[in-house]
Protein backbone atom coordinates (compact mmCIF):
# COMPACT_ATOMS: atom_id res chain seq x y z
CA UNK A 1 0.12 -0.04 -0.23
CA UNK A 2 1.45 3.12 -1.14
CA UNK A 3 0.38 6.13 1.06
CA UNK A 4 1.38 8.93 -1.46
CA UNK A 5 -0.85 8.12 -4.45
CA UNK A 6 -3.60 5.67 -3.26
CA UNK A 7 -5.88 4.79 -6.28
CA UNK A 8 -4.05 1.91 -7.55
CA UNK A 9 -3.73 -0.45 -4.78
CA UNK A 10 -6.25 -1.86 -2.36
CA UNK A 11 -6.57 -0.61 1.11
CA UNK A 12 -8.34 -2.74 3.88
CA UNK A 13 -9.77 -5.07 1.02
CA UNK A 14 -11.79 -8.17 1.48
CA UNK A 15 -8.55 -10.16 1.09
CA UNK A 16 -7.69 -9.16 4.72
CA UNK A 17 -8.79 -10.99 7.58
CA UNK A 18 -11.59 -9.16 9.09
CA UNK A 19 -10.18 -8.58 12.22
CA UNK A 20 -7.44 -6.55 10.46
CA UNK A 21 -9.75 -4.24 8.39
CA UNK A 22 -10.53 -1.55 11.14
CA UNK A 23 -6.95 -1.00 12.31
CA UNK A 24 -5.78 -1.14 8.61
CA UNK A 25 -8.65 1.65 7.55
CA UNK A 26 -7.59 3.67 10.79
CA UNK A 27 -3.92 3.78 9.84
CA UNK A 28 -4.45 4.65 6.27
CA UNK A 29 -6.96 7.41 7.13
CA UNK A 30 -4.33 9.09 9.27
CA UNK A 31 -1.49 8.51 6.36
CA UNK A 32 -3.95 9.62 3.69
CA UNK A 33 -5.21 12.73 5.33
CA UNK A 34 -1.52 13.83 6.48
CA UNK A 35 -0.73 13.26 2.77
CA UNK A 36 -3.71 15.61 1.83
CA UNK A 37 -2.32 18.31 4.09
CA UNK A 38 0.92 18.32 1.94
CA UNK A 39 -0.95 18.21 -1.44
CA UNK A 40 -4.35 19.16 -1.65
CA UNK A 41 -6.08 22.32 -1.93
CA UNK A 42 -4.64 26.04 -2.00
CA UNK A 43 -2.82 26.38 1.42
CA UNK A 44 0.47 28.27 1.41
CA UNK A 45 3.48 26.18 2.78
CA UNK A 46 3.14 27.49 6.49
CA UNK A 47 -0.30 26.44 6.78
CA UNK A 48 0.32 22.99 5.32
CA UNK A 49 3.35 22.45 7.85
CA UNK A 50 1.23 23.68 10.42
CA UNK A 51 -1.37 21.09 9.89
CA UNK A 52 1.19 18.44 10.06
CA UNK A 53 2.82 19.85 13.25
CA UNK A 54 -0.82 19.75 14.70
CA UNK A 55 -0.81 15.95 13.89
CA UNK A 56 2.74 15.47 15.71
CA UNK A 57 1.24 17.29 18.57
CA UNK A 58 -1.61 14.60 18.82
CA UNK A 59 0.94 11.60 18.34
CA UNK A 60 3.11 13.20 21.10
CA UNK A 61 -0.04 13.26 23.35
CA UNK A 62 -0.70 9.52 22.49
CA UNK A 63 2.96 8.67 23.06
CA UNK A 64 3.24 10.68 26.52
CA UNK A 65 -0.04 8.57 27.55
CA UNK A 66 -2.38 11.65 27.45
CA UNK A 67 -5.64 11.56 25.63
CA UNK A 68 -5.62 12.98 22.22
CA UNK A 69 -7.89 15.82 20.98
CA UNK A 70 -8.94 14.69 17.67
CA UNK A 71 -11.48 11.56 17.00
CA UNK A 72 -9.01 9.87 14.57
CA UNK A 73 -6.11 10.01 17.01
CA UNK A 74 -8.62 8.44 19.75
CA UNK A 75 -9.26 5.45 17.11
CA UNK A 76 -5.35 5.39 16.19
CA UNK A 77 -4.52 5.29 20.06
CA UNK A 78 -6.89 2.38 20.42
CA UNK A 79 -5.03 0.55 17.38
CA UNK A 80 -1.69 1.33 18.51
CA UNK A 81 -2.57 0.12 22.02
CA UNK A 82 -4.36 -3.16 21.05
CA UNK A 83 -1.54 -3.99 18.52
CA UNK A 84 1.30 -2.73 20.31
CA UNK A 85 2.31 -0.76 17.32
CA UNK A 86 5.52 1.36 17.41
CA UNK A 87 5.26 5.05 17.16
CA UNK A 88 8.26 5.68 14.76
CA UNK A 89 6.57 5.01 11.85
CA UNK A 90 3.85 7.29 12.24
CA UNK A 91 6.51 10.06 12.98
CA UNK A 92 8.46 8.94 9.82
CA UNK A 93 5.16 9.30 7.43
CA UNK A 94 4.67 12.87 8.83
CA UNK A 95 8.28 13.64 8.36
CA UNK A 96 7.94 12.70 4.72
CA UNK A 97 4.81 14.77 3.99
CA UNK A 98 6.42 17.64 5.45
CA UNK A 99 9.26 17.23 3.09
CA UNK A 100 6.79 17.24 0.25
CA UNK A 101 5.98 20.67 1.23
CA UNK A 102 9.62 22.06 1.46
CA UNK A 103 11.69 19.83 -1.07
CA UNK A 104 11.14 19.87 -4.89
CA UNK A 105 13.91 18.18 -6.43
CA UNK A 106 16.24 15.13 -5.54
CA UNK A 107 19.76 15.31 -6.48
CA UNK A 108 20.23 11.29 -6.50
CA UNK A 109 18.62 8.00 -6.36
CA UNK A 110 19.89 7.95 -2.81
CA UNK A 111 17.80 11.10 -1.96
CA UNK A 112 14.78 9.56 -3.46
CA UNK A 113 15.25 6.30 -1.31
CA UNK A 114 15.50 8.29 1.87
CA UNK A 115 12.13 9.68 1.15
CA UNK A 116 10.81 6.33 0.19
CA UNK A 117 12.30 5.13 3.62
CA UNK A 118 9.70 7.62 5.43
CA UNK A 119 6.85 7.69 2.96
CA UNK A 120 6.18 4.08 2.05
CA UNK A 121 8.16 1.73 3.97
CA UNK A 122 6.55 2.63 7.23
CA UNK A 123 3.20 1.52 6.10
CA UNK A 124 4.39 -1.84 5.37
CA UNK A 125 6.26 -2.16 8.53
CA UNK A 126 2.96 -1.22 10.38
CA UNK A 127 1.09 -3.97 8.39
CA UNK A 128 3.84 -6.37 9.33
CA UNK A 129 3.21 -5.65 13.37
CA UNK A 130 -0.38 -6.00 12.68
CA UNK A 131 0.31 -9.60 11.08
CA UNK A 132 2.79 -10.43 14.24
CA UNK A 133 5.39 -11.21 11.44
CA UNK A 134 7.81 -8.32 12.10
CA UNK A 135 11.00 -10.15 11.74
CA UNK A 136 14.27 -8.85 9.90
CA UNK A 137 13.64 -10.69 7.19
CA UNK A 138 10.29 -9.52 6.56
CA UNK A 139 10.94 -6.26 7.22
CA UNK A 140 13.54 -5.77 4.32
CA UNK A 141 11.45 -7.40 2.22
CA UNK A 142 8.61 -5.18 2.88
CA UNK A 143 10.79 -2.16 2.42
CA UNK A 144 11.69 -3.47 -1.00
CA UNK A 145 8.30 -3.94 -1.96
CA UNK A 146 6.72 -0.54 -0.49
CA UNK A 147 9.69 1.56 -1.73
CA UNK A 148 9.09 -0.17 -5.48
CA UNK A 149 5.48 0.82 -5.18
CA UNK A 150 6.17 4.41 -4.27
CA UNK A 151 8.63 4.61 -7.09
CA UNK A 152 6.37 3.18 -9.58
CA UNK A 153 3.92 6.03 -8.40
CA UNK A 154 6.47 8.65 -9.17
CA UNK A 155 7.02 7.33 -12.52
CA UNK A 156 3.43 7.01 -13.74
CA UNK A 157 2.98 10.72 -12.13
CA UNK A 158 5.62 12.66 -13.27
CA UNK A 159 3.63 15.20 -14.96
CA UNK A 160 1.42 15.54 -12.22
CA UNK A 161 4.07 16.05 -9.72
CA UNK A 162 5.81 18.50 -12.06
CA UNK A 163 2.40 20.71 -11.96
CA UNK A 164 2.83 20.71 -8.14
CA UNK A 165 6.66 21.90 -8.86
CA UNK A 166 8.05 18.46 -7.90
CA UNK A 167 10.48 16.27 -9.75
CA UNK A 168 11.05 12.97 -8.04
CA UNK A 169 13.37 11.61 -11.09
CA UNK A 170 17.10 12.17 -9.56
CA UNK A 171 18.53 14.94 -11.22
CA UNK A 172 22.02 13.21 -11.81
CA UNK A 173 20.08 10.50 -13.81
CA UNK A 174 18.02 13.09 -15.80
CA UNK A 175 21.33 14.68 -16.70
CA UNK A 176 22.74 11.22 -17.71
CA UNK A 177 19.98 10.66 -20.26
CA UNK A 178 20.10 14.20 -21.39
CA UNK A 179 16.75 15.14 -19.96
CA UNK A 180 15.84 18.78 -18.64
CA UNK A 181 13.05 20.24 -17.10
CA UNK A 182 11.87 22.05 -19.83
CA UNK A 183 11.57 18.61 -21.62
CA UNK A 184 9.01 17.59 -19.00
CA UNK A 185 7.09 21.05 -19.10
CA UNK A 186 6.87 20.83 -22.73
CA UNK A 187 5.64 17.12 -22.29
CA UNK A 188 8.10 15.85 -24.74
CA UNK A 189 8.93 12.15 -24.52
CA UNK A 190 11.50 12.24 -27.47
CA UNK A 191 15.24 11.95 -27.21
CA UNK A 192 16.66 10.01 -24.05
CA UNK A 193 13.31 10.17 -22.25
CA UNK A 194 12.38 6.31 -22.94
CA UNK A 195 15.76 5.25 -22.15
CA UNK A 196 15.65 7.50 -18.88
CA UNK A 197 12.18 5.67 -18.12
CA UNK A 198 13.23 2.20 -19.03
CA UNK A 199 15.97 2.34 -16.45
CA UNK A 200 13.80 3.50 -13.83
CA UNK A 201 11.22 0.87 -14.79
CA UNK A 202 13.56 -1.89 -14.50
CA UNK A 203 15.07 -0.81 -11.23
CA UNK A 204 11.68 -0.67 -9.88
CA UNK A 205 10.64 -3.97 -10.96
CA UNK A 206 13.59 -5.55 -9.46
CA UNK A 207 12.97 -4.26 -6.38
CA UNK A 208 9.60 -5.12 -6.40
CA UNK A 209 10.46 -8.75 -7.41
CA UNK A 210 13.12 -8.91 -4.75
CA UNK A 211 10.64 -8.32 -2.08
CA UNK A 212 7.73 -10.56 -3.64
CA UNK A 213 8.74 -13.63 -1.65
CA UNK A 214 7.44 -12.07 1.29
CA UNK A 215 3.91 -13.32 0.53
CA UNK A 216 4.89 -16.79 0.48
CA UNK A 217 6.27 -16.42 4.14
CA UNK A 218 2.80 -14.98 5.27
CA UNK A 219 -0.01 -16.96 5.90
CA UNK A 220 -3.37 -17.32 3.59
CA UNK A 221 -5.33 -14.36 2.78
CA UNK A 222 -2.35 -11.99 4.05
CA UNK A 223 -0.03 -13.50 1.55
CA UNK A 224 -2.70 -13.37 -1.26
CA UNK A 225 -3.31 -9.63 -0.17
CA UNK A 226 0.57 -8.84 -0.64
CA UNK A 227 0.81 -10.86 -4.13
CA UNK A 228 -2.14 -8.83 -5.15
CA UNK A 229 -0.52 -5.62 -4.57
CA UNK A 230 2.80 -6.95 -5.99
CA UNK A 231 0.87 -7.89 -9.23
CA UNK A 232 -0.72 -4.39 -9.39
CA UNK A 233 2.64 -2.71 -9.26
CA UNK A 234 3.85 -4.96 -12.07
CA UNK A 235 0.77 -4.31 -14.04
CA UNK A 236 1.60 -0.43 -13.78
CA UNK A 237 5.25 -1.30 -15.04
CA UNK A 238 3.95 -3.21 -18.04
CA UNK A 239 1.64 -0.25 -19.12
CA UNK A 240 4.57 2.12 -18.56
CA UNK A 241 6.46 -0.04 -20.87
CA UNK A 242 3.74 -0.38 -23.49
CA UNK A 243 3.69 3.61 -23.39
CA UNK A 244 7.49 3.57 -23.74
CA UNK A 245 7.45 5.90 -20.70
CA UNK A 246 5.10 8.46 -22.28
CA UNK A 247 3.19 9.25 -19.27
CA UNK A 248 2.34 12.78 -20.70
CA UNK A 249 -0.21 11.10 -23.22
CA UNK A 250 -0.56 7.55 -21.77
CA UNK A 251 -0.55 7.91 -17.83
CA UNK A 252 -0.97 4.35 -16.54
CA UNK A 253 -3.57 3.22 -14.00
CA UNK A 254 -5.41 0.36 -13.18
CA UNK A 255 -8.70 -0.06 -14.65
CA UNK A 256 -11.64 -2.44 -13.74
CA UNK A 257 -10.47 -4.97 -16.45
CA UNK A 258 -7.21 -5.18 -14.94
CA UNK A 259 -8.36 -6.50 -11.69
CA UNK A 260 -9.43 -10.05 -13.03
CA UNK A 261 -5.81 -10.56 -14.54
CA UNK A 262 -4.22 -9.15 -11.21
CA UNK A 263 -6.13 -11.74 -9.06
CA UNK A 264 -5.40 -14.26 -11.33
CA UNK A 265 -1.76 -13.70 -11.50
CA UNK A 266 -1.69 -13.34 -7.51
CA UNK A 267 -3.27 -16.79 -7.33
CA UNK A 268 -0.91 -18.25 -9.32
CA UNK A 269 2.35 -16.49 -8.06
CA UNK A 270 4.40 -18.49 -5.80
């Protein structure tokens, strides 16, 4: 489940055991609403940061054992207490969303991955805690899947992010393939654009597949949920390849007819 862009992947779906749907939904509402503070509407940066800081204050209340003010945080407090969830992933998410307000360019892939570590990986780590399977091996696999999904969202949304004055493509890799910001602004997929996007696609796919064995280590419907999410990411990458990376004219997204294929692939995946 990638928090930053949530239209492509199932959240608290029927594949999850029923007892996990409420905690997953509460965690997701926290993450989505905080992400919307950074992205949605016409607020100036200071106002966005103030909203995120208010969320930090509510988390601080919970962590110190005091009653939070907002209903969402009272629900979150119940989930955290019931499932003994760590607080660090929630703070990491808020840090990432604050960074979206203040940082618009990324010099290297290492910088992008540092962002993914705080914007996407915490969600997977929280899910593993809910599943009771949060060992070192599973966390590493989950991080690989979650970061890959975040990267896939970045590559399908190059144009949408640019309209918000954000470019997640690493600046050094853009230079290597001869791509400038002016080319993105012109919606120009010529020249080295396909080579740059193919490089990003192949790296994201490798990361996604490296983490995919996590599903085989988790039981029943939980494993099937993870396989479904992985197959959803792979399907987006297929569409990116088919469009030769031209997200300006053919932004890939999962449609209704994609889901039967994704579910079949998930059932067959091992």
